[in-house]
Amino acid sequence: PVNLGSGMEISIRDLVELIADLTGFEGEVEWDTSKP
């Protein structure tokens, strides 16, 4: 079997911040820790 991936790993926190920046959203991110 062969894996196809980018080789780049990112935390969900950093991902959300990056998407917020790229979309122009300037608000806060609230983390719902009751979710998995």
All heavy atoms as atom14 arrays in JSON, in Angstrom:
{
  "sequence": "PVNLGSGMEISIRDLVELIADLTGFEGEVEWDTSKP",
  "atom14_mask": [
    [1, 1, 1, 1, 1, 1, 1, 0, 0, 0, 0, 0, 0, 0],
    [1, 1, 1, 1, 1, 1, 1, 0, 0, 0, 0, 0, 0, 0],
    [1, 1, 1, 1, 1, 1, 1, 1, 0, 0, 0, 0, 0, 0],
    [1, 1, 1, 1, 1, 1, 1, 1, 0, 0, 0, 0, 0, 0],
    [1, 1, 1, 1, 0, 0, 0, 0, 0, 0, 0, 0, 0, 0],
    [1, 1, 1, 1, 1, 1, 0, 0, 0, 0, 0, 0, 0, 0],
    [1, 1, 1, 1, 0, 0, 0, 0, 0, 0, 0, 0, 0, 0],
    [1, 1, 1, 1, 1, 1, 1, 1, 0, 0, 0, 0, 0, 0],
    [1, 1, 1, 1, 1, 1, 1, 1, 1, 0, 0, 0, 0, 0],
    [1, 1, 1, 1, 1, 1, 1, 1, 0, 0, 0, 0, 0, 0],
    [1, 1, 1, 1, 1, 1, 0, 0, 0, 0, 0, 0, 0, 0],
    [1, 1, 1, 1, 1, 1, 1, 1, 0, 0, 0, 0, 0, 0],
    [1, 1, 1, 1, 1, 1, 1, 1, 1, 1, 1, 0, 0, 0],
    [1, 1, 1, 1, 1, 1, 1, 1, 0, 0, 0, 0, 0, 0],
    [1, 1, 1, 1, 1, 1, 1, 1, 0, 0, 0, 0, 0, 0],
    [1, 1, 1, 1, 1, 1, 1, 0, 0, 0, 0, 0, 0, 0],
    [1, 1, 1, 1, 1, 1, 1, 1, 1, 0, 0, 0, 0, 0],
    [1, 1, 1, 1, 1, 1, 1, 1, 0, 0, 0, 0, 0, 0],
    [1, 1, 1, 1, 1, 1, 1, 1, 0, 0, 0, 0, 0, 0],
    [1, 1, 1, 1, 1, 0, 0, 0, 0, 0, 0, 0, 0, 0],
    [1, 1, 1, 1, 1, 1, 1, 1, 0, 0, 0, 0, 0, 0],
    [1, 1, 1, 1, 1, 1, 1, 1, 0, 0, 0, 0, 0, 0],
    [1, 1, 1, 1, 1, 1, 1, 0, 0, 0, 0, 0, 0, 0],
    [1, 1, 1, 1, 0, 0, 0, 0, 0, 0, 0, 0, 0, 0],
    [1, 1, 1, 1, 1, 1, 1, 1, 1, 1, 1, 0, 0, 0],
    [1, 1, 1, 1, 1, 1, 1, 1, 1, 0, 0, 0, 0, 0],
    [1, 1, 1, 1, 0, 0, 0, 0, 0, 0, 0, 0, 0, 0],
    [1, 1, 1, 1, 1, 1, 1, 1, 1, 0, 0, 0, 0, 0],
    [1, 1, 1, 1, 1, 1, 1, 0, 0, 0, 0, 0, 0, 0],
    [1, 1, 1, 1, 1, 1, 1, 1, 1, 0, 0, 0, 0, 0],
    [1, 1, 1, 1, 1, 1, 1, 1, 1, 1, 1, 1, 1, 1],
    [1, 1, 1, 1, 1, 1, 1, 1, 0, 0, 0, 0, 0, 0],
    [1, 1, 1, 1, 1, 1, 1, 0, 0, 0, 0, 0, 0, 0],
    [1, 1, 1, 1, 1, 1, 0, 0, 0, 0, 0, 0, 0, 0],
    [1, 1, 1, 1, 1, 1, 1, 1, 1, 0, 0, 0, 0, 0],
    [1, 1, 1, 1, 1, 1, 1, 0, 0, 0, 0, 0, 0, 0]
  ],
  "atom14_positions": [
    [[0.84, -1.2, 0.0], [0.0, 0.0, 0.0], [0.88, 1.25, 0.0], [2.0, 1.22, 0.5], [-0.8, -0.12, 1.3], [0.01, -1.02, 2.17], [0.76, -1.93, 1.26], [0.0, 0.0, 0.0], [0.0, 0.0, 0.0], [0.0, 0.0, 0.0], [0.0, 0.0, 0.0], [0.0, 0.0, 0.0], [0.0, 0.0, 0.0], [0.0, 0.0, 0.0]],
    [[0.37, 2.32, -0.58], [1.13, 3.57, -0.67], [0.28, 4.71, -0.12], [-0.86, 4.91, -0.54], [1.53, 3.88, -2.13], [2.28, 5.19, -2.22], [2.37, 2.74, -2.71], [0.0, 0.0, 0.0], [0.0, 0.0, 0.0], [0.0, 0.0, 0.0], [0.0, 0.0, 0.0], [0.0, 0.0, 0.0], [0.0, 0.0, 0.0], [0.0, 0.0, 0.0]],
    [[0.86, 5.45, 0.81], [0.21, 6.63, 1.37], [0.42, 7.83, 0.46], [1.52, 8.04, -0.05], [0.8, 6.97, 2.74], [0.51, 5.93, 3.78], [-0.52, 5.27, 3.75], [1.43, 5.78, 4.73], [0.0, 0.0, 0.0], [0.0, 0.0, 0.0], [0.0, 0.0, 0.0], [0.0, 0.0, 0.0], [0.0, 0.0, 0.0], [0.0, 0.0, 0.0]],
    [[-0.62, 8.63, 0.28], [-0.53, 9.9, -0.42], [-0.82, 11.01, 0.58], [-1.92, 11.06, 1.15], [-1.53, 9.97, -1.58], [-1.39, 8.95, -2.7], [-2.47, 9.17, -3.75], [-0.01, 9.01, -3.33], [0.0, 0.0, 0.0], [0.0, 0.0, 0.0], [0.0, 0.0, 0.0], [0.0, 0.0, 0.0], [0.0, 0.0, 0.0], [0.0, 0.0, 0.0]],
    [[0.14, 11.87, 0.8], [-0.03, 12.97, 1.74], [0.89, 14.11, 1.37], [1.72, 14.01, 0.46], [0.0, 0.0, 0.0], [0.0, 0.0, 0.0], [0.0, 0.0, 0.0], [0.0, 0.0, 0.0], [0.0, 0.0, 0.0], [0.0, 0.0, 0.0], [0.0, 0.0, 0.0], [0.0, 0.0, 0.0], [0.0, 0.0, 0.0], [0.0, 0.0, 0.0]],
    [[0.76, 15.18, 2.12], [1.55, 16.39, 1.85], [2.85, 16.42, 2.64], [3.77, 17.15, 2.28], [0.74, 17.63, 2.2], [0.48, 17.64, 3.6], [0.0, 0.0, 0.0], [0.0, 0.0, 0.0], [0.0, 0.0, 0.0], [0.0, 0.0, 0.0], [0.0, 0.0, 0.0], [0.0, 0.0, 0.0], [0.0, 0.0, 0.0], [0.0, 0.0, 0.0]],
    [[2.91, 15.66, 3.72], [4.08, 15.7, 4.59], [4.07, 16.88, 5.53], [5.02, 17.09, 6.29], [0.0, 0.0, 0.0], [0.0, 0.0, 0.0], [0.0, 0.0, 0.0], [0.0, 0.0, 0.0], [0.0, 0.0, 0.0], [0.0, 0.0, 0.0], [0.0, 0.0, 0.0], [0.0, 0.0, 0.0], [0.0, 0.0, 0.0], [0.0, 0.0, 0.0]],
    [[3.01, 17.69, 5.51], [2.92, 18.87, 6.37], [1.85, 18.63, 7.43], [0.72, 18.29, 7.11], [2.56, 20.09, 5.51], [2.77, 21.44, 6.18], [1.49, 22.05, 7.29], [0.07, 22.14, 6.25], [0.0, 0.0, 0.0], [0.0, 0.0, 0.0], [0.0, 0.0, 0.0], [0.0, 0.0, 0.0], [0.0, 0.0, 0.0], [0.0, 0.0, 0.0]],
    [[2.22, 18.81, 8.67], [1.31, 18.59, 9.79], [1.03, 19.93, 10.45], [1.93, 20.76, 10.6], [2.01, 17.64, 10.76], [1.19, 17.14, 11.9], [1.94, 16.08, 12.71], [3.15, 15.9, 12.52], [1.29, 15.45, 13.56], [0.0, 0.0, 0.0], [0.0, 0.0, 0.0], [0.0, 0.0, 0.0], [0.0, 0.0, 0.0], [0.0, 0.0, 0.0]],
    [[-0.23, 20.13, 10.85], [-0.62, 21.4, 11.47], [-1.62, 21.1, 12.59], [-2.45, 20.21, 12.47], [-1.23, 22.37, 10.42], [-1.49, 23.75, 11.03], [-2.48, 21.77, 9.79], [-1.86, 24.82, 9.99], [0.0, 0.0, 0.0], [0.0, 0.0, 0.0], [0.0, 0.0, 0.0], [0.0, 0.0, 0.0], [0.0, 0.0, 0.0], [0.0, 0.0, 0.0]],
    [[-1.53, 21.86, 13.67], [-2.52, 21.7, 14.75], [-3.85, 22.29, 14.28], [-3.89, 23.22, 13.46], [-2.06, 22.38, 16.04], [-2.16, 23.79, 15.93], [0.0, 0.0, 0.0], [0.0, 0.0, 0.0], [0.0, 0.0, 0.0], [0.0, 0.0, 0.0], [0.0, 0.0, 0.0], [0.0, 0.0, 0.0], [0.0, 0.0, 0.0], [0.0, 0.0, 0.0]],
    [[-4.92, 21.78, 14.82], [-6.25, 22.31, 14.48], [-6.33, 23.78, 14.88], [-6.9, 24.6, 14.16], [-7.36, 21.46, 15.12], [-7.31, 20.01, 14.61], [-8.73, 22.09, 14.89], [-7.51, 19.85, 13.11], [0.0, 0.0, 0.0], [0.0, 0.0, 0.0], [0.0, 0.0, 0.0], [0.0, 0.0, 0.0], [0.0, 0.0, 0.0], [0.0, 0.0, 0.0]],
    [[-5.74, 24.12, 16.01], [-5.73, 25.52, 16.47], [-5.05, 26.42, 15.43], [-5.59, 27.46, 15.04], [-5.03, 25.64, 17.81], [-5.02, 27.06, 18.38], [-4.45, 27.1, 19.79], [-5.17, 26.23, 20.69], [-6.3, 26.54, 21.33], [-6.85, 27.73, 21.14], [-6.88, 25.7, 22.14], [0.0, 0.0, 0.0], [0.0, 0.0, 0.0], [0.0, 0.0, 0.0]],
    [[-3.88, 26.02, 14.96], [-3.17, 26.82, 13.95], [-3.93, 26.85, 12.63], [-3.94, 27.87, 11.94], [-1.76, 26.29, 13.74], [-0.84, 26.55, 14.93], [-1.18, 27.39, 15.8], [0.23, 25.9, 14.99], [0.0, 0.0, 0.0], [0.0, 0.0, 0.0], [0.0, 0.0, 0.0], [0.0, 0.0, 0.0], [0.0, 0.0, 0.0], [0.0, 0.0, 0.0]],
    [[-4.57, 25.74, 12.3], [-5.38, 25.68, 11.07], [-6.52, 26.68, 11.13], [-6.75, 27.44, 10.18], [-5.92, 24.26, 10.88], [-6.94, 24.09, 9.75], [-6.28, 24.31, 8.39], [-7.58, 22.72, 9.83], [0.0, 0.0, 0.0], [0.0, 0.0, 0.0], [0.0, 0.0, 0.0], [0.0, 0.0, 0.0], [0.0, 0.0, 0.0], [0.0, 0.0, 0.0]],
    [[-7.24, 26.7, 12.24], [-8.38, 27.61, 12.37], [-7.9, 29.06, 12.31], [-8.51, 29.9, 11.63], [-9.16, 27.32, 13.68], [-10.21, 28.39, 13.93], [-9.81, 25.94, 13.6], [0.0, 0.0, 0.0], [0.0, 0.0, 0.0], [0.0, 0.0, 0.0], [0.0, 0.0, 0.0], [0.0, 0.0, 0.0], [0.0, 0.0, 0.0], [0.0, 0.0, 0.0]],
    [[-6.79, 29.37, 12.97], [-6.25, 30.73, 12.93], [-5.84, 31.12, 11.51], [-6.08, 32.25, 11.08], [-5.07, 30.86, 13.89], [-5.49, 30.8, 15.34], [-4.31, 30.77, 16.31], [-3.14, 30.92, 15.86], [-4.55, 30.6, 17.52], [0.0, 0.0, 0.0], [0.0, 0.0, 0.0], [0.0, 0.0, 0.0], [0.0, 0.0, 0.0], [0.0, 0.0, 0.0]],
    [[-5.25, 30.19, 10.77], [-4.84, 30.46, 9.4], [-6.04, 30.7, 8.5], [-6.06, 31.65, 7.72], [-4.0, 29.29, 8.87], [-3.51, 29.4, 7.43], [-2.68, 30.65, 7.2], [-2.72, 28.14, 7.05], [0.0, 0.0, 0.0], [0.0, 0.0, 0.0], [0.0, 0.0, 0.0], [0.0, 0.0, 0.0], [0.0, 0.0, 0.0], [0.0, 0.0, 0.0]],
    [[-7.06, 29.87, 8.63], [-8.27, 30.06, 7.82], [-8.94, 31.38, 8.18], [-9.39, 32.12, 7.29], [-9.24, 28.87, 7.96], [-8.62, 27.62, 7.3], [-10.61, 29.19, 7.35], [-9.4, 26.34, 7.54], [0.0, 0.0, 0.0], [0.0, 0.0, 0.0], [0.0, 0.0, 0.0], [0.0, 0.0, 0.0], [0.0, 0.0, 0.0], [0.0, 0.0, 0.0]],
    [[-9.01, 31.7, 9.46], [-9.6, 32.98, 9.87], [-8.85, 34.13, 9.21], [-9.46, 35.07, 8.67], [-9.59, 33.11, 11.39], [0.0, 0.0, 0.0], [0.0, 0.0, 0.0], [0.0, 0.0, 0.0], [0.0, 0.0, 0.0], [0.0, 0.0, 0.0], [0.0, 0.0, 0.0], [0.0, 0.0, 0.0], [0.0, 0.0, 0.0], [0.0, 0.0, 0.0]],
    [[-7.53, 34.08, 9.22], [-6.72, 35.12, 8.61], [-6.97, 35.2, 7.1], [-7.17, 36.29, 6.56], [-5.24, 34.85, 8.9], [-4.35, 35.94, 8.34], [-4.58, 37.13, 8.66], [-3.42, 35.6, 7.58], [0.0, 0.0, 0.0], [0.0, 0.0, 0.0], [0.0, 0.0, 0.0], [0.0, 0.0, 0.0], [0.0, 0.0, 0.0], [0.0, 0.0, 0.0]],
    [[-6.97, 34.06, 6.43], [-7.14, 34.04, 4.97], [-8.54, 34.48, 4.53], [-8.7, 34.98, 3.42], [-6.83, 32.65, 4.42], [-5.37, 32.21, 4.52], [-5.22, 30.75, 4.08], [-4.46, 33.11, 3.69], [0.0, 0.0, 0.0], [0.0, 0.0, 0.0], [0.0, 0.0, 0.0], [0.0, 0.0, 0.0], [0.0, 0.0, 0.0], [0.0, 0.0, 0.0]],
    [[-9.54, 34.3, 5.38], [-10.9, 34.71, 5.04], [-11.2, 36.14, 5.48], [-12.26, 36.68, 5.15], [-11.95, 33.78, 5.68], [-11.79, 33.8, 7.1], [-11.85, 32.36, 5.14], [0.0, 0.0, 0.0], [0.0, 0.0, 0.0], [0.0, 0.0, 0.0], [0.0, 0.0, 0.0], [0.0, 0.0, 0.0], [0.0, 0.0, 0.0], [0.0, 0.0, 0.0]],
    [[-10.3, 36.72, 6.25], [-10.54, 38.08, 6.75], [-11.42, 38.13, 7.98], [-11.89, 39.2, 8.36], [0.0, 0.0, 0.0], [0.0, 0.0, 0.0], [0.0, 0.0, 0.0], [0.0, 0.0, 0.0], [0.0, 0.0, 0.0], [0.0, 0.0, 0.0], [0.0, 0.0, 0.0], [0.0, 0.0, 0.0], [0.0, 0.0, 0.0], [0.0, 0.0, 0.0]],
    [[-11.65, 37.0, 8.64], [-12.43, 36.99, 9.88], [-11.52, 37.45, 11.01], [-10.47, 36.87, 11.25], [-12.99, 35.6, 10.17], [-13.66, 35.51, 11.51], [-14.84, 36.2, 11.75], [-13.11, 34.76, 12.54], [-15.46, 36.14, 12.99], [-13.72, 34.68, 13.77], [-14.9, 35.38, 14.0], [0.0, 0.0, 0.0], [0.0, 0.0, 0.0], [0.0, 0.0, 0.0]],
    [[-11.94, 38.5, 11.72], [-11.1, 39.09, 12.76], [-11.59, 38.82, 14.17], [-11.03, 39.32, 15.13], [-10.96, 40.59, 12.52], [-10.25, 40.9, 11.2], [-10.15, 42.37, 10.89], [-10.72, 43.19, 11.65], [-9.49, 42.71, 9.9], [0.0, 0.0, 0.0], [0.0, 0.0, 0.0], [0.0, 0.0, 0.0], [0.0, 0.0, 0.0], [0.0, 0.0, 0.0]],
    [[-12.64, 38.03, 14.31], [-13.19, 37.75, 15.63], [-12.38, 36.7, 16.38], [-11.32, 36.26, 15.94], [0.0, 0.0, 0.0], [0.0, 0.0, 0.0], [0.0, 0.0, 0.0], [0.0, 0.0, 0.0], [0.0, 0.0, 0.0], [0.0, 0.0, 0.0], [0.0, 0.0, 0.0], [0.0, 0.0, 0.0], [0.0, 0.0, 0.0], [0.0, 0.0, 0.0]],
    [[-12.92, 36.3, 17.5], [-12.28, 35.31, 18.36], [-12.74, 33.9, 17.98], [-13.8, 33.73, 17.38], [-12.66, 35.57, 19.83], [-12.19, 36.9, 20.36], [-10.68, 37.0, 20.4], [-10.03, 36.01, 20.81], [-10.16, 38.06, 20.02], [0.0, 0.0, 0.0], [0.0, 0.0, 0.0], [0.0, 0.0, 0.0], [0.0, 0.0, 0.0], [0.0, 0.0, 0.0]],
    [[-11.94, 32.93, 18.36], [-12.31, 31.53, 18.2], [-12.59, 30.98, 19.59], [-11.74, 31.04, 20.48], [-11.19, 30.71, 17.53], [-11.59, 29.24, 17.46], [-10.87, 31.27, 16.15], [0.0, 0.0, 0.0], [0.0, 0.0, 0.0], [0.0, 0.0, 0.0], [0.0, 0.0, 0.0], [0.0, 0.0, 0.0], [0.0, 0.0, 0.0], [0.0, 0.0, 0.0]],
    [[-13.81, 30.5, 19.78], [-14.19, 29.87, 21.04], [-14.11, 28.36, 20.83], [-14.66, 27.84, 19.88], [-15.6, 30.29, 21.44], [-15.72, 31.78, 21.71], [-17.14, 32.23, 21.98], [-18.09, 31.39, 21.9], [-17.32, 33.43, 22.24], [0.0, 0.0, 0.0], [0.0, 0.0, 0.0], [0.0, 0.0, 0.0], [0.0, 0.0, 0.0], [0.0, 0.0, 0.0]],
    [[-13.42, 27.68, 21.73], [-13.23, 26.24, 21.62], [-14.24, 25.51, 22.47], [-14.29, 25.72, 23.68], [-11.79, 25.87, 22.03], [-10.83, 26.44, 21.03], [-10.17, 27.63, 21.11], [-10.48, 25.87, 19.78], [-9.43, 27.84, 19.97], [-9.59, 26.77, 19.14], [-10.82, 24.69, 19.12], [-9.04, 26.52, 17.89], [-10.26, 24.43, 17.88], [-9.39, 25.33, 17.27]],
    [[-15.07, 24.7, 21.83], [-16.09, 23.92, 22.53], [-15.47, 22.58, 22.94], [-15.47, 21.62, 22.19], [-17.3, 23.69, 21.61], [-18.42, 22.93, 22.3], [-18.23, 22.46, 23.45], [-19.48, 22.79, 21.68], [0.0, 0.0, 0.0], [0.0, 0.0, 0.0], [0.0, 0.0, 0.0], [0.0, 0.0, 0.0], [0.0, 0.0, 0.0], [0.0, 0.0, 0.0]],
    [[-14.94, 22.56, 24.17], [-14.23, 21.37, 24.64], [-15.17, 20.23, 25.01], [-14.69, 19.14, 25.35], [-13.31, 21.72, 25.83], [-14.1, 22.31, 26.87], [-12.22, 22.69, 25.4], [0.0, 0.0, 0.0], [0.0, 0.0, 0.0], [0.0, 0.0, 0.0], [0.0, 0.0, 0.0], [0.0, 0.0, 0.0], [0.0, 0.0, 0.0], [0.0, 0.0, 0.0]],
    [[-16.48, 20.46, 24.92], [-17.41, 19.35, 25.13], [-17.47, 18.46, 23.87], [-17.96, 17.35, 23.93], [-18.81, 19.86, 25.46], [-19.43, 20.44, 24.33], [0.0, 0.0, 0.0], [0.0, 0.0, 0.0], [0.0, 0.0, 0.0], [0.0, 0.0, 0.0], [0.0, 0.0, 0.0], [0.0, 0.0, 0.0], [0.0, 0.0, 0.0], [0.0, 0.0, 0.0]],
    [[-16.96, 18.98, 22.77], [-16.91, 18.22, 21.51], [-15.6, 17.46, 21.44], [-14.59, 17.9, 21.98], [-17.05, 19.14, 20.3], [-18.33, 19.95, 20.27], [-19.52, 19.08, 20.06], [-20.76, 19.96, 19.9], [-21.97, 19.21, 19.97], [0.0, 0.0, 0.0], [0.0, 0.0, 0.0], [0.0, 0.0, 0.0], [0.0, 0.0, 0.0], [0.0, 0.0, 0.0]],
    [[-15.58, 16.35, 20.73], [-14.37, 15.51, 20.69], [-13.23, 16.13, 19.88], [-13.46, 16.86, 18.92], [-14.85, 14.22, 20.03], [-16.01, 14.65, 19.19], [-16.68, 15.78, 19.95], [0.0, 0.0, 0.0], [0.0, 0.0, 0.0], [0.0, 0.0, 0.0], [0.0, 0.0, 0.0], [0.0, 0.0, 0.0], [0.0, 0.0, 0.0], [0.0, 0.0, 0.0]]
  ]
}
